[in-house]
Amino acid sequence: DDLGPVLIQAGVSEYFSHVASRHAEVIFPVLPNISRAGQFISEFRGKV
């Protein structure tokens, strides 16, 4: 089809976020607790 396979990226680092915010359709991050998860997700969606 005209969209191609879905792109997933796995990580949490700054370099990861820089690339994934521009390209990823799904991300698979390692988020050990809910407080870190909330902070990471807020920052990542902002970068997207």
ModelCIF file with pLDDT and N, C-alpha, C, O atoms, coordinates in Angstrom:
data_MODEL
#
_entry.id   MODEL 
#
_entity.id                         1 
_entity.type                       polymer 
_entity.pdbx_number_of_molecules   1 
#
_entity_poly.entity_id                      1 
_entity_poly.type                           'polypeptide(L)' 
_entity_poly.nstd_linkage                   no 
_entity_poly.nstd_monomer                   no 
_entity_poly.pdbx_seq_one_letter_code       DDLGPVLIQAGVSEYFSHVASRHAEVIFPVLPNISRAGQFISEFRGKV 
_entity_poly.pdbx_seq_one_letter_code_can   DDLGPVLIQAGVSEYFSHVASRHAEVIFPVLPNISRAGQFISEFRGKV 
_entity_poly.pdbx_strand_id                 A 
#
loop_
_entity_poly_seq.entity_id 
_entity_poly_seq.num 
_entity_poly_seq.mon_id 
_entity_poly_seq.hetero 
1 1  ASP n 
1 2  ASP n 
1 3  LEU n 
1 4  GLY n 
1 5  PRO n 
1 6  VAL n 
1 7  LEU n 
1 8  ILE n 
1 9  GLN n 
1 10 ALA n 
1 11 GLY n 
1 12 VAL n 
1 13 SER n 
1 14 GLU n 
1 15 TYR n 
1 16 PHE n 
1 17 SER n 
1 18 HIS n 
1 19 VAL n 
1 20 ALA n 
1 21 SER n 
1 22 ARG n 
1 23 HIS n 
1 24 ALA n 
1 25 GLU n 
1 26 VAL n 
1 27 ILE n 
1 28 PHE n 
1 29 PRO n 
1 30 VAL n 
1 31 LEU n 
1 32 PRO n 
1 33 ASN n 
1 34 ILE n 
1 35 SER n 
1 36 ARG n 
1 37 ALA n 
1 38 GLY n 
1 39 GLN n 
1 40 PHE n 
1 41 ILE n 
1 42 SER n 
1 43 GLU n 
1 44 PHE n 
1 45 ARG n 
1 46 GLY n 
1 47 LYS n 
1 48 VAL n 
#
_struct_asym.id          A 
_struct_asym.entity_id   1 
#
loop_
_ma_qa_metric.id 
_ma_qa_metric.mode 
_ma_qa_metric.name 
_ma_qa_metric.software_group_id 
_ma_qa_metric.type 
1 global pLDDT . pLDDT 
2 local  pLDDT . pLDDT 
#
_ma_qa_metric_global.metric_id      1 
_ma_qa_metric_global.metric_value   94.27 
_ma_qa_metric_global.model_id       1 
_ma_qa_metric_global.ordinal_id     1 
#
loop_
_ma_qa_metric_local.label_asym_id 
_ma_qa_metric_local.label_comp_id 
_ma_qa_metric_local.label_seq_id 
_ma_qa_metric_local.metric_id 
_ma_qa_metric_local.metric_value 
_ma_qa_metric_local.model_id 
_ma_qa_metric_local.ordinal_id 
A ASP 1  2 84.00 1 1  
A ASP 2  2 79.00 1 2  
A LEU 3  2 84.00 1 3  
A GLY 4  2 92.00 1 4  
A PRO 5  2 97.00 1 5  
A VAL 6  2 98.00 1 6  
A LEU 7  2 98.00 1 7  
A ILE 8  2 98.00 1 8  
A GLN 9  2 97.00 1 9  
A ALA 10 2 94.00 1 10 
A GLY 11 2 93.00 1 11 
A VAL 12 2 92.00 1 12 
A SER 13 2 92.00 1 13 
A GLU 14 2 92.00 1 14 
A TYR 15 2 93.00 1 15 
A PHE 16 2 93.00 1 16 
A SER 17 2 94.00 1 17 
A HIS 18 2 95.00 1 18 
A VAL 19 2 96.00 1 19 
A ALA 20 2 96.00 1 20 
A SER 21 2 97.00 1 21 
A ARG 22 2 97.00 1 22 
A HIS 23 2 97.00 1 23 
A ALA 24 2 98.00 1 24 
A GLU 25 2 98.00 1 25 
A VAL 26 2 98.00 1 26 
A ILE 27 2 97.00 1 27 
A PHE 28 2 96.00 1 28 
A PRO 29 2 95.00 1 29 
A VAL 30 2 95.00 1 30 
A LEU 31 2 95.00 1 31 
A PRO 32 2 93.00 1 32 
A ASN 33 2 93.00 1 33 
A ILE 34 2 93.00 1 34 
A SER 35 2 91.00 1 35 
A ARG 36 2 92.00 1 36 
A ALA 37 2 93.00 1 37 
A GLY 38 2 93.00 1 38 
A GLN 39 2 94.00 1 39 
A PHE 40 2 94.00 1 40 
A ILE 41 2 95.00 1 41 
A SER 42 2 95.00 1 42 
A GLU 43 2 96.00 1 43 
A PHE 44 2 96.00 1 44 
A ARG 45 2 97.00 1 45 
A GLY 46 2 96.00 1 46 
A LYS 47 2 97.00 1 47 
A VAL 48 2 97.00 1 48 
#
loop_
_atom_site.group_PDB 
_atom_site.id 
_atom_site.type_symbol 
_atom_site.label_atom_id 
_atom_site.label_alt_id 
_atom_site.label_comp_id 
_atom_site.label_asym_id 
_atom_site.label_entity_id 
_atom_site.label_seq_id 
_atom_site.pdbx_PDB_ins_code 
_atom_site.Cartn_x 
_atom_site.Cartn_y 
_atom_site.Cartn_z 
_atom_site.occupancy 
_atom_site.B_iso_or_equiv 
_atom_site.pdbx_formal_charge 
_atom_site.auth_seq_id 
_atom_site.auth_comp_id 
_atom_site.auth_asym_id 
_atom_site.auth_atom_id 
_atom_site.pdbx_PDB_model_num 
ATOM 1   N N  . ASP A 1 1  ? 0.861  -1.186 0.000  1.00 84.00 ? 1  ASP A N  1 
ATOM 2   C CA . ASP A 1 1  ? 0.000  0.000  0.000  1.00 84.00 ? 1  ASP A CA 1 
ATOM 3   C C  . ASP A 1 1  ? 0.893  1.230  0.000  1.00 84.00 ? 1  ASP A C  1 
ATOM 4   O O  . ASP A 1 1  ? 2.119  1.115  0.015  1.00 84.00 ? 1  ASP A O  1 
ATOM 5   N N  . ASP A 1 2  ? 0.282  2.400  -0.017 1.00 79.00 ? 2  ASP A N  1 
ATOM 6   C CA . ASP A 1 2  ? 1.091  3.613  -0.164 1.00 79.00 ? 2  ASP A CA 1 
ATOM 7   C C  . ASP A 1 2  ? 1.708  4.083  1.138  1.00 79.00 ? 2  ASP A C  1 
ATOM 8   O O  . ASP A 1 2  ? 2.466  5.053  1.121  1.00 79.00 ? 2  ASP A O  1 
ATOM 9   N N  . LEU A 1 3  ? 1.421  3.438  2.285  1.00 84.00 ? 3  LEU A N  1 
ATOM 10  C CA . LEU A 1 3  ? 1.977  3.864  3.565  1.00 84.00 ? 3  LEU A CA 1 
ATOM 11  C C  . LEU A 1 3  ? 3.141  2.990  4.023  1.00 84.00 ? 3  LEU A C  1 
ATOM 12  O O  . LEU A 1 3  ? 4.007  3.458  4.762  1.00 84.00 ? 3  LEU A O  1 
ATOM 13  N N  . GLY A 1 4  ? 3.174  1.740  3.600  1.00 92.00 ? 4  GLY A N  1 
ATOM 14  C CA . GLY A 1 4  ? 4.259  0.850  3.984  1.00 92.00 ? 4  GLY A CA 1 
ATOM 15  C C  . GLY A 1 4  ? 4.084  0.306  5.390  1.00 92.00 ? 4  GLY A C  1 
ATOM 16  O O  . GLY A 1 4  ? 3.151  0.697  6.091  1.00 92.00 ? 4  GLY A O  1 
ATOM 17  N N  . PRO A 1 5  ? 4.985  -0.609 5.823  1.00 97.00 ? 5  PRO A N  1 
ATOM 18  C CA . PRO A 1 5  ? 4.920  -1.151 7.167  1.00 97.00 ? 5  PRO A CA 1 
ATOM 19  C C  . PRO A 1 5  ? 5.029  -0.065 8.241  1.00 97.00 ? 5  PRO A C  1 
ATOM 20  O O  . PRO A 1 5  ? 5.628  0.989  8.025  1.00 97.00 ? 5  PRO A O  1 
ATOM 21  N N  . VAL A 1 6  ? 4.441  -0.349 9.391  1.00 98.00 ? 6  VAL A N  1 
ATOM 22  C CA . VAL A 1 6  ? 4.466  0.578  10.529 1.00 98.00 ? 6  VAL A CA 1 
ATOM 23  C C  . VAL A 1 6  ? 5.876  0.633  11.099 1.00 98.00 ? 6  VAL A C  1 
ATOM 24  O O  . VAL A 1 6  ? 6.542  -0.396 11.215 1.00 98.00 ? 6  VAL A O  1 
ATOM 25  N N  . LEU A 1 7  ? 6.334  1.830  11.455 1.00 98.00 ? 7  LEU A N  1 
ATOM 26  C CA . LEU A 1 7  ? 7.665  2.002  12.040 1.00 98.00 ? 7  LEU A CA 1 
ATOM 27  C C  . LEU A 1 7  ? 7.579  2.087  13.563 1.00 98.00 ? 7  LEU A C  1 
ATOM 28  O O  . LEU A 1 7  ? 6.894  2.948  14.113 1.00 98.00 ? 7  LEU A O  1 
ATOM 29  N N  . ILE A 1 8  ? 8.289  1.174  14.233 1.00 98.00 ? 8  ILE A N  1 
ATOM 30  C CA . ILE A 1 8  ? 8.425  1.169  15.686 1.00 98.00 ? 8  ILE A CA 1 
ATOM 31  C C  . ILE A 1 8  ? 9.861  1.562  16.021 1.00 98.00 ? 8  ILE A C  1 
ATOM 32  O O  . ILE A 1 8  ? 10.785 1.202  15.292 1.00 98.00 ? 8  ILE A O  1 
ATOM 33  N N  . GLN A 1 9  ? 10.054 2.287  17.100 1.00 97.00 ? 9  GLN A N  1 
ATOM 34  C CA . GLN A 1 9  ? 11.400 2.519  17.623 1.00 97.00 ? 9  GLN A CA 1 
ATOM 35  C C  . GLN A 1 9  ? 11.398 2.280  19.127 1.00 97.00 ? 9  GLN A C  1 
ATOM 36  O O  . GLN A 1 9  ? 10.435 2.607  19.820 1.00 97.00 ? 9  GLN A O  1 
ATOM 37  N N  . ALA A 1 10 ? 12.505 1.699  19.625 1.00 94.00 ? 10 ALA A N  1 
ATOM 38  C CA . ALA A 1 10 ? 12.601 1.322  21.031 1.00 94.00 ? 10 ALA A CA 1 
ATOM 39  C C  . ALA A 1 10 ? 13.738 2.100  21.689 1.00 94.00 ? 10 ALA A C  1 
ATOM 40  O O  . ALA A 1 10 ? 14.858 2.117  21.179 1.00 94.00 ? 10 ALA A O  1 
ATOM 41  N N  . GLY A 1 11 ? 13.450 2.742  22.820 1.00 93.00 ? 11 GLY A N  1 
ATOM 42  C CA . GLY A 1 11 ? 14.484 3.471  23.545 1.00 93.00 ? 11 GLY A CA 1 
ATOM 43  C C  . GLY A 1 11 ? 13.907 4.562  24.415 1.00 93.00 ? 11 GLY A C  1 
ATOM 44  O O  . GLY A 1 11 ? 12.693 4.756  24.466 1.00 93.00 ? 11 GLY A O  1 
ATOM 45  N N  . VAL A 1 12 ? 14.793 5.279  25.105 1.00 92.00 ? 12 VAL A N  1 
ATOM 46  C CA . VAL A 1 12 ? 14.377 6.422  25.928 1.00 92.00 ? 12 VAL A CA 1 
ATOM 47  C C  . VAL A 1 12 ? 15.406 7.551  25.931 1.00 92.00 ? 12 VAL A C  1 
ATOM 48  O O  . VAL A 1 12 ? 15.158 8.604  26.519 1.00 92.00 ? 12 VAL A O  1 
ATOM 49  N N  . SER A 1 13 ? 16.549 7.351  25.289 1.00 92.00 ? 13 SER A N  1 
ATOM 50  C CA . SER A 1 13 ? 17.617 8.359  25.354 1.00 92.00 ? 13 SER A CA 1 
ATOM 51  C C  . SER A 1 13 ? 17.259 9.612  24.562 1.00 92.00 ? 13 SER A C  1 
ATOM 52  O O  . SER A 1 13 ? 16.290 9.629  23.804 1.00 92.00 ? 13 SER A O  1 
ATOM 53  N N  . GLU A 1 14 ? 18.057 10.657 24.752 1.00 92.00 ? 14 GLU A N  1 
ATOM 54  C CA . GLU A 1 14 ? 17.839 11.901 24.021 1.00 92.00 ? 14 GLU A CA 1 
ATOM 55  C C  . GLU A 1 14 ? 18.008 11.698 22.518 1.00 92.00 ? 14 GLU A C  1 
ATOM 56  O O  . GLU A 1 14 ? 17.212 12.203 21.727 1.00 92.00 ? 14 GLU A O  1 
ATOM 57  N N  . TYR A 1 15 ? 19.045 10.959 22.125 1.00 93.00 ? 15 TYR A N  1 
ATOM 58  C CA . TYR A 1 15 ? 19.251 10.713 20.692 1.00 93.00 ? 15 TYR A CA 1 
ATOM 59  C C  . TYR A 1 15 ? 18.090 9.912  20.117 1.00 93.00 ? 15 TYR A C  1 
ATOM 60  O O  . TYR A 1 15 ? 17.617 10.194 19.016 1.00 93.00 ? 15 TYR A O  1 
ATOM 61  N N  . PHE A 1 16 ? 17.630 8.903  20.874 1.00 93.00 ? 16 PHE A N  1 
ATOM 62  C CA . PHE A 1 16 ? 16.459 8.146  20.444 1.00 93.00 ? 16 PHE A CA 1 
ATOM 63  C C  . PHE A 1 16 ? 15.268 9.073  20.235 1.00 93.00 ? 16 PHE A C  1 
ATOM 64  O O  . PHE A 1 16 ? 14.610 9.021  19.196 1.00 93.00 ? 16 PHE A O  1 
ATOM 65  N N  . SER A 1 17 ? 14.991 9.923  21.226 1.00 94.00 ? 17 SER A N  1 
ATOM 66  C CA . SER A 1 17 ? 13.828 10.805 21.151 1.00 94.00 ? 17 SER A CA 1 
ATOM 67  C C  . SER A 1 17 ? 13.917 11.751 19.959 1.00 94.00 ? 17 SER A C  1 
ATOM 68  O O  . SER A 1 17 ? 12.904 12.067 19.336 1.00 94.00 ? 17 SER A O  1 
ATOM 69  N N  . HIS A 1 18 ? 15.125 12.200 19.643 1.00 95.00 ? 18 HIS A N  1 
ATOM 70  C CA . HIS A 1 18 ? 15.305 13.116 18.510 1.00 95.00 ? 18 HIS A CA 1 
ATOM 71  C C  . HIS A 1 18 ? 14.901 12.440 17.204 1.00 95.00 ? 18 HIS A C  1 
ATOM 72  O O  . HIS A 1 18 ? 14.212 13.042 16.381 1.00 95.00 ? 18 HIS A O  1 
ATOM 73  N N  . VAL A 1 19 ? 15.328 11.185 17.011 1.00 96.00 ? 19 VAL A N  1 
ATOM 74  C CA . VAL A 1 19 ? 15.002 10.468 15.778 1.00 96.00 ? 19 VAL A CA 1 
ATOM 75  C C  . VAL A 1 19 ? 13.546 10.002 15.797 1.00 96.00 ? 19 VAL A C  1 
ATOM 76  O O  . VAL A 1 19 ? 12.827 10.173 14.812 1.00 96.00 ? 19 VAL A O  1 
ATOM 77  N N  . ALA A 1 20 ? 13.113 9.417  16.910 1.00 96.00 ? 20 ALA A N  1 
ATOM 78  C CA . ALA A 1 20 ? 11.762 8.851  16.974 1.00 96.00 ? 20 ALA A CA 1 
ATOM 79  C C  . ALA A 1 20 ? 10.684 9.917  16.887 1.00 96.00 ? 20 ALA A C  1 
ATOM 80  O O  . ALA A 1 20 ? 9.619  9.667  16.323 1.00 96.00 ? 20 ALA A O  1 
ATOM 81  N N  . SER A 1 21 ? 10.937 11.097 17.430 1.00 97.00 ? 21 SER A N  1 
ATOM 82  C CA . SER A 1 21 ? 9.926  12.160 17.362 1.00 97.00 ? 21 SER A CA 1 
ATOM 83  C C  . SER A 1 21 ? 9.676  12.591 15.921 1.00 97.00 ? 21 SER A C  1 
ATOM 84  O O  . SER A 1 21 ? 8.607  13.117 15.613 1.00 97.00 ? 21 SER A O  1 
ATOM 85  N N  . ARG A 1 22 ? 10.648 12.377 15.036 1.00 97.00 ? 22 ARG A N  1 
ATOM 86  C CA . ARG A 1 22 ? 10.489 12.749 13.629 1.00 97.00 ? 22 ARG A CA 1 
ATOM 87  C C  . ARG A 1 22 ? 9.925  11.633 12.764 1.00 97.00 ? 22 ARG A C  1 
ATOM 88  O O  . ARG A 1 22 ? 9.361  11.891 11.701 1.00 97.00 ? 22 ARG A O  1 
ATOM 89  N N  . HIS A 1 23 ? 10.079 10.375 13.225 1.00 97.00 ? 23 HIS A N  1 
ATOM 90  C CA . HIS A 1 23 ? 9.753  9.255  12.341 1.00 97.00 ? 23 HIS A CA 1 
ATOM 91  C C  . HIS A 1 23 ? 8.803  8.217  12.917 1.00 97.00 ? 23 HIS A C  1 
ATOM 92  O O  . HIS A 1 23 ? 7.945  7.722  12.186 1.00 97.00 ? 23 HIS A O  1 
ATOM 93  N N  . ALA A 1 24 ? 8.916  7.868  14.180 1.00 98.00 ? 24 ALA A N  1 
ATOM 94  C CA . ALA A 1 24 ? 8.242  6.680  14.724 1.00 98.00 ? 24 ALA A CA 1 
ATOM 95  C C  . ALA A 1 24 ? 6.725  6.821  14.694 1.00 98.00 ? 24 ALA A C  1 
ATOM 96  O O  . ALA A 1 24 ? 6.175  7.907  14.876 1.00 98.00 ? 24 ALA A O  1 
ATOM 97  N N  . GLU A 1 25 ? 6.069  5.689  14.460 1.00 98.00 ? 25 GLU A N  1 
ATOM 98  C CA . GLU A 1 25 ? 4.609  5.614  14.574 1.00 98.00 ? 25 GLU A CA 1 
ATOM 99  C C  . GLU A 1 25 ? 4.197  4.902  15.856 1.00 98.00 ? 25 GLU A C  1 
ATOM 100 O O  . GLU A 1 25 ? 3.092  5.106  16.357 1.00 98.00 ? 25 GLU A O  1 
ATOM 101 N N  . VAL A 1 26 ? 5.084  4.070  16.384 1.00 98.00 ? 26 VAL A N  1 
ATOM 102 C CA . VAL A 1 26 ? 4.917  3.405  17.675 1.00 98.00 ? 26 VAL A CA 1 
ATOM 103 C C  . VAL A 1 26 ? 6.266  3.458  18.372 1.00 98.00 ? 26 VAL A C  1 
ATOM 104 O O  . VAL A 1 26 ? 7.301  3.290  17.727 1.00 98.00 ? 26 VAL A O  1 
ATOM 105 N N  . ILE A 1 27 ? 6.270  3.692  19.690 1.00 97.00 ? 27 ILE A N  1 
ATOM 106 C CA . ILE A 1 27 ? 7.530  3.570  20.420 1.00 97.00 ? 27 ILE A CA 1 
ATOM 107 C C  . ILE A 1 27 ? 7.365  2.552  21.545 1.00 97.00 ? 27 ILE A C  1 
ATOM 108 O O  . ILE A 1 27 ? 6.286  2.381  22.112 1.00 97.00 ? 27 ILE A O  1 
ATOM 109 N N  . PHE A 1 28 ? 8.479  1.883  21.845 1.00 96.00 ? 28 PHE A N  1 
ATOM 110 C CA . PHE A 1 28 ? 8.543  0.834  22.868 1.00 96.00 ? 28 PHE A CA 1 
ATOM 111 C C  . PHE A 1 28 ? 9.598  1.267  23.882 1.00 96.00 ? 28 PHE A C  1 
ATOM 112 O O  . PHE A 1 28 ? 10.744 0.824  23.800 1.00 96.00 ? 28 PHE A O  1 
ATOM 113 N N  . PRO A 1 29 ? 9.234  2.128  24.842 1.00 95.00 ? 29 PRO A N  1 
ATOM 114 C CA . PRO A 1 29 ? 10.214 2.630  25.796 1.00 95.00 ? 29 PRO A CA 1 
ATOM 115 C C  . PRO A 1 29 ? 10.290 1.776  27.065 1.00 95.00 ? 29 PRO A C  1 
ATOM 116 O O  . PRO A 1 29 ? 9.350  1.058  27.403 1.00 95.00 ? 29 PRO A O  1 
ATOM 117 N N  . VAL A 1 30 ? 11.420 1.868  27.753 1.00 95.00 ? 30 VAL A N  1 
ATOM 118 C CA . VAL A 1 30 ? 11.595 1.244  29.065 1.00 95.00 ? 30 VAL A CA 1 
ATOM 119 C C  . VAL A 1 30 ? 11.299 2.317  30.106 1.00 95.00 ? 30 VAL A C  1 
ATOM 120 O O  . VAL A 1 30 ? 12.071 3.261  30.269 1.00 95.00 ? 30 VAL A O  1 
ATOM 121 N N  . LEU A 1 31 ? 10.177 2.167  30.809 1.00 95.00 ? 31 LEU A N  1 
ATOM 122 C CA . LEU A 1 31 ? 9.736  3.168  31.784 1.00 95.00 ? 31 LEU A CA 1 
ATOM 123 C C  . LEU A 1 31 ? 9.477  2.454  33.106 1.00 95.00 ? 31 LEU A C  1 
ATOM 124 O O  . LEU A 1 31 ? 8.405  1.879  33.293 1.00 95.00 ? 31 LEU A O  1 
ATOM 125 N N  . PRO A 1 32 ? 10.443 2.481  34.029 1.00 93.00 ? 32 PRO A N  1 
ATOM 126 C CA . PRO A 1 32 ? 10.372 1.619  35.214 1.00 93.00 ? 32 PRO A CA 1 
ATOM 127 C C  . PRO A 1 32 ? 9.278  1.965  36.213 1.00 93.00 ? 32 PRO A C  1 
ATOM 128 O O  . PRO A 1 32 ? 8.848  1.099  36.975 1.00 93.00 ? 32 PRO A O  1 
ATOM 129 N N  . ASN A 1 33 ? 8.822  3.207  36.226 1.00 93.00 ? 33 ASN A N  1 
ATOM 130 C CA . ASN A 1 33 ? 7.779  3.583  37.183 1.00 93.00 ? 33 ASN A CA 1 
ATOM 131 C C  . ASN A 1 33 ? 6.883  4.643  36.561 1.00 93.00 ? 33 ASN A C  1 
ATOM 132 O O  . ASN A 1 33 ? 7.222  5.248  35.544 1.00 93.00 ? 33 ASN A O  1 
ATOM 133 N N  . ILE A 1 34 ? 5.750  4.851  37.184 1.00 93.00 ? 34 ILE A N  1 
ATOM 134 C CA . ILE A 1 34 ? 4.723  5.696  36.580 1.00 93.00 ? 34 ILE A CA 1 
ATOM 135 C C  . ILE A 1 34 ? 5.122  7.161  36.560 1.00 93.00 ? 34 ILE A C  1 
ATOM 136 O O  . ILE A 1 34 ? 4.733  7.898  35.654 1.00 93.00 ? 34 ILE A O  1 
ATOM 137 N N  . SER A 1 35 ? 5.909  7.598  37.569 1.00 91.00 ? 35 SER A N  1 
ATOM 138 C CA . SER A 1 35 ? 6.309  9.009  37.579 1.00 91.00 ? 35 SER A CA 1 
ATOM 139 C C  . SER A 1 35 ? 7.275  9.312  36.442 1.00 91.00 ? 35 SER A C  1 
ATOM 140 O O  . SER A 1 35 ? 7.154  10.339 35.775 1.00 91.00 ? 35 SER A O  1 
ATOM 141 N N  . ARG A 1 36 ? 8.235  8.414  36.223 1.00 92.00 ? 36 ARG A N  1 
ATOM 142 C CA . ARG A 1 36 ? 9.158  8.623  35.106 1.00 92.00 ? 36 ARG A CA 1 
ATOM 143 C C  . ARG A 1 36 ? 8.421  8.505  33.777 1.00 92.00 ? 36 ARG A C  1 
ATOM 144 O O  . ARG A 1 36 ? 8.723  9.221  32.822 1.00 92.00 ? 36 ARG A O  1 
ATOM 145 N N  . ALA A 1 37 ? 7.444  7.586  33.725 1.00 93.00 ? 37 ALA A N  1 
ATOM 146 C CA . ALA A 1 37 ? 6.665  7.418  32.499 1.00 93.00 ? 37 ALA A CA 1 
ATOM 147 C C  . ALA A 1 37 ? 5.938  8.702  32.135 1.00 93.00 ? 37 ALA A C  1 
ATOM 148 O O  . ALA A 1 37 ? 5.970  9.135  30.983 1.00 93.00 ? 37 ALA A O  1 
ATOM 149 N N  . GLY A 1 38 ? 5.281  9.313  33.120 1.00 93.00 ? 38 GLY A N  1 
ATOM 150 C CA . GLY A 1 38 ? 4.542  10.537 32.851 1.00 93.00 ? 38 GLY A CA 1 
ATOM 151 C C  . GLY A 1 38 ? 5.442  11.650 32.341 1.00 93.00 ? 38 GLY A C  1 
ATOM 152 O O  . GLY A 1 38 ? 5.085  12.368 31.406 1.00 93.00 ? 38 GLY A O  1 
ATOM 153 N N  . GLN A 1 39 ? 6.615  11.794 32.959 1.00 94.00 ? 39 GLN A N  1 
ATOM 154 C CA . GLN A 1 39 ? 7.549  12.845 32.544 1.00 94.00 ? 39 GLN A CA 1 
ATOM 155 C C  . GLN A 1 39 ? 8.067  12.593 31.134 1.00 94.00 ? 39 GLN A C  1 
ATOM 156 O O  . GLN A 1 39 ? 8.085  13.498 30.301 1.00 94.00 ? 39 GLN A O  1 
ATOM 157 N N  . PHE A 1 40 ? 8.493  11.338 30.868 1.00 94.00 ? 40 PHE A N  1 
ATOM 158 C CA . PHE A 1 40 ? 9.032  11.012 29.550 1.00 94.00 ? 40 PHE A CA 1 
ATOM 159 C C  . PHE A 1 40 ? 7.988  11.235 28.462 1.00 94.00 ? 40 PHE A C  1 
ATOM 160 O O  . PHE A 1 40 ? 8.286  11.819 27.420 1.00 94.00 ? 40 PHE A O  1 
ATOM 161 N N  . ILE A 1 41 ? 6.768  10.769 28.705 1.00 95.00 ? 41 ILE A N  1 
ATOM 162 C CA . ILE A 1 41 ? 5.726  10.834 27.679 1.00 95.00 ? 41 ILE A CA 1 
ATOM 163 C C  . ILE A 1 41 ? 5.351  12.271 27.379 1.00 95.00 ? 41 ILE A C  1 
ATOM 164 O O  . ILE A 1 41 ? 5.149  12.635 26.220 1.00 95.00 ? 41 ILE A O  1 
ATOM 165 N N  . SER A 1 42 ? 5.258  13.090 28.415 1.00 95.00 ? 42 SER A N  1 
ATOM 166 C CA . SER A 1 42 ? 4.946  14.500 28.196 1.00 95.00 ? 42 SER A CA 1 
ATOM 167 C C  . SER A 1 42 ? 6.025  15.163 27.345 1.00 95.00 ? 42 SER A C  1 
ATOM 168 O O  . SER A 1 42 ? 5.720  15.893 26.401 1.00 95.00 ? 42 SER A O  1 
ATOM 169 N N  . GLU A 1 43 ? 7.296  14.903 27.685 1.00 96.00 ? 43 GLU A N  1 
ATOM 170 C CA . GLU A 1 43 ? 8.403  15.497 26.938 1.00 96.00 ? 43 GLU A CA 1 
ATOM 171 C C  . GLU A 1 43 ? 8.449  14.955 25.509 1.00 96.00 ? 43 GLU A C  1 
ATOM 172 O O  . GLU A 1 43 ? 8.691  15.709 24.566 1.00 96.00 ? 43 GLU A O  1 
ATOM 173 N N  . PHE A 1 44 ? 8.216  13.650 25.348 1.00 96.00 ? 44 PHE A N  1 
ATOM 174 C CA . PHE A 1 44 ? 8.304  13.066 24.009 1.00 96.00 ? 44 PHE A CA 1 
ATOM 175 C C  . PHE A 1 44 ? 7.195  13.582 23.109 1.00 96.00 ? 44 PHE A C  1 
ATOM 176 O O  . PHE A 1 44 ? 7.450  13.929 21.956 1.00 96.00 ? 44 PHE A O  1 
ATOM 177 N N  . ARG A 1 45 ? 5.977  13.640 23.611 1.00 97.00 ? 45 ARG A N  1 
ATOM 178 C CA . ARG A 1 45 ? 4.886  14.148 22.775 1.00 97.00 ? 45 ARG A CA 1 
ATOM 179 C C  . ARG A 1 45 ? 5.144  15.612 22.395 1.00 97.00 ? 45 ARG A C  1 
ATOM 180 O O  . ARG A 1 45 ? 4.767  16.048 21.307 1.00 97.00 ? 45 ARG A O  1 
ATOM 181 N N  . GLY A 1 46 ? 5.782  16.361 23.286 1.00 96.00 ? 46 GLY A N  1 
ATOM 182 C CA . GLY A 1 46 ? 6.152  17.734 22.951 1.00 96.00 ? 46 GLY A CA 1 
ATOM 183 C C  . GLY A 1 46 ? 7.140  17.791 21.802 1.00 96.00 ? 46 GLY A C  1 
ATOM 184 O O  . GLY A 1 46 ? 7.040  18.661 20.937 1.00 96.00 ? 46 GLY A O  1 
ATOM 185 N N  . LYS A 1 47 ? 8.103  16.860 21.787 1.00 97.00 ? 47 LYS A N  1 
ATOM 186 C CA . LYS A 1 47 ? 9.084  16.820 20.699 1.00 97.00 ? 47 LYS A CA 1 
ATOM 187 C C  . LYS A 1 47 ? 8.440  16.417 19.377 1.00 97.00 ? 47 LYS A C  1 
ATOM 188 O O  . LYS A 1 47 ? 8.823  16.904 18.313 1.00 97.00 ? 47 LYS A O  1 
ATOM 189 N N  . VAL A 1 48 ? 7.446  15.511 19.457 1.00 97.00 ? 48 VAL A N  1 
ATOM 190 C CA . VAL A 1 48 ? 6.720  15.125 18.238 1.00 97.00 ? 48 VAL A CA 1 
ATOM 191 C C  . VAL A 1 48 ? 6.006  16.345 17.658 1.00 97.00 ? 48 VAL A C  1 
ATOM 192 O O  . VAL A 1 48 ? 5.337  16.239 16.630 1.00 97.00 ? 48 VAL A O  1 
#
